[in-house]
Amino acid sequence: MLNEYCASTSNGQARAWLRDMRGSAENNWLCRQQGRPDRVIDMTAACVREYGKGAVARYTDRNDLTSWRCFSR
């Protein structure tokens, strides 16, 4: 889902990237594109793109970068 989100915001050029494999969930996922500055992924925007209006992103464990989930409001 995150690779598709990054690609959709960059004419297909960016991919999802982890800043720090041991880091926290917050602000650790980036869109990376060669020759451009990295951008922190807006996780709620990624959920909305995937599931539609009303979707929201939340992590279940602040210390687990893989704990992001999409929820419906």
Protein backbone atom coordinates (compact mmCIF):
# COMPACT_ATOMS: atom_id res chain seq x y z
CA MET A 1 0.00 0.00 0.00
CA LEU A 2 2.77 2.49 0.87
CA ASN A 3 4.71 1.92 -2.35
CA GLU A 4 1.54 2.60 -4.31
CA TYR A 5 0.84 5.74 -2.28
CA CYS A 6 4.37 7.08 -2.89
CA ALA A 7 4.16 6.26 -6.59
CA SER A 8 0.82 8.07 -6.84
CA THR A 9 2.34 11.24 -5.41
CA SER A 10 5.38 11.25 -7.71
CA ASN A 11 4.38 10.21 -11.23
CA GLY A 12 5.34 6.65 -10.35
CA GLN A 13 8.90 7.45 -9.36
CA ALA A 14 8.96 7.24 -5.52
CA ARG A 15 8.98 4.16 -3.30
CA ALA A 16 8.29 3.66 0.41
CA TRP A 17 11.43 3.61 2.52
CA LEU A 18 12.18 3.19 6.22
CA ARG A 19 14.31 5.90 7.76
CA ASP A 20 15.41 3.72 10.69
CA MET A 21 14.67 -0.01 10.96
CA ARG A 22 14.79 0.20 14.76
CA GLY A 23 12.91 3.47 15.04
CA SER A 24 9.49 4.35 16.33
CA ALA A 25 6.31 4.28 14.29
CA GLU A 26 6.01 8.06 14.08
CA ASN A 27 7.55 9.79 11.04
CA ASN A 28 9.69 6.79 10.13
CA TRP A 29 8.17 5.89 6.75
CA LEU A 30 9.33 8.02 3.82
CA CYS A 31 8.66 8.38 0.12
CA ARG A 32 12.07 8.23 -1.55
CA GLN A 33 12.73 9.33 -5.12
CA GLN A 34 16.13 9.63 -6.72
CA GLY A 35 17.27 13.23 -7.00
CA ARG A 36 14.51 14.54 -4.70
CA PRO A 37 14.32 15.15 -0.95
CA ASP A 38 12.72 12.37 1.09
CA ARG A 39 9.15 13.07 2.23
CA VAL A 40 7.52 11.68 5.37
CA ILE A 41 4.49 9.61 4.37
CA ASP A 42 1.15 10.99 5.48
CA MET A 43 -0.20 7.69 6.74
CA THR A 44 -3.81 8.90 6.93
CA ALA A 45 -3.61 10.10 3.32
CA ALA A 46 -2.30 6.66 2.33
CA CYS A 47 -5.26 5.03 4.12
CA VAL A 48 -7.74 7.39 2.45
CA ARG A 49 -6.23 6.59 -0.95
CA GLU A 50 -6.59 2.86 -0.26
CA TYR A 51 -9.94 2.74 1.60
CA GLY A 52 -11.71 6.01 0.85
CA LYS A 53 -12.98 9.01 2.75
CA GLY A 54 -13.28 8.43 6.48
CA ALA A 55 -10.22 6.18 6.75
CA VAL A 56 -7.66 7.16 9.34
CA ALA A 57 -4.21 5.79 10.22
CA ARG A 58 -3.16 4.84 13.73
CA TYR A 59 -0.30 2.79 15.08
CA THR A 60 -1.02 0.20 17.73
CA ASP A 61 2.45 0.40 19.29
CA ARG A 62 4.47 3.61 19.21
CA ASN A 63 7.72 1.61 19.33
CA ASP A 64 6.81 -0.73 16.45
CA LEU A 65 7.24 0.79 13.00
CA THR A 66 5.15 -2.01 11.47
CA SER A 67 2.13 -1.45 13.70
CA TRP A 68 0.35 1.08 11.45
CA ARG A 69 -3.25 0.20 10.67
CA CYS A 70 -6.08 1.87 8.79
CA PHE A 71 -9.38 2.33 10.60
CA SER A 72 -12.76 3.68 9.65
CA ARG A 73 -14.05 6.70 11.54
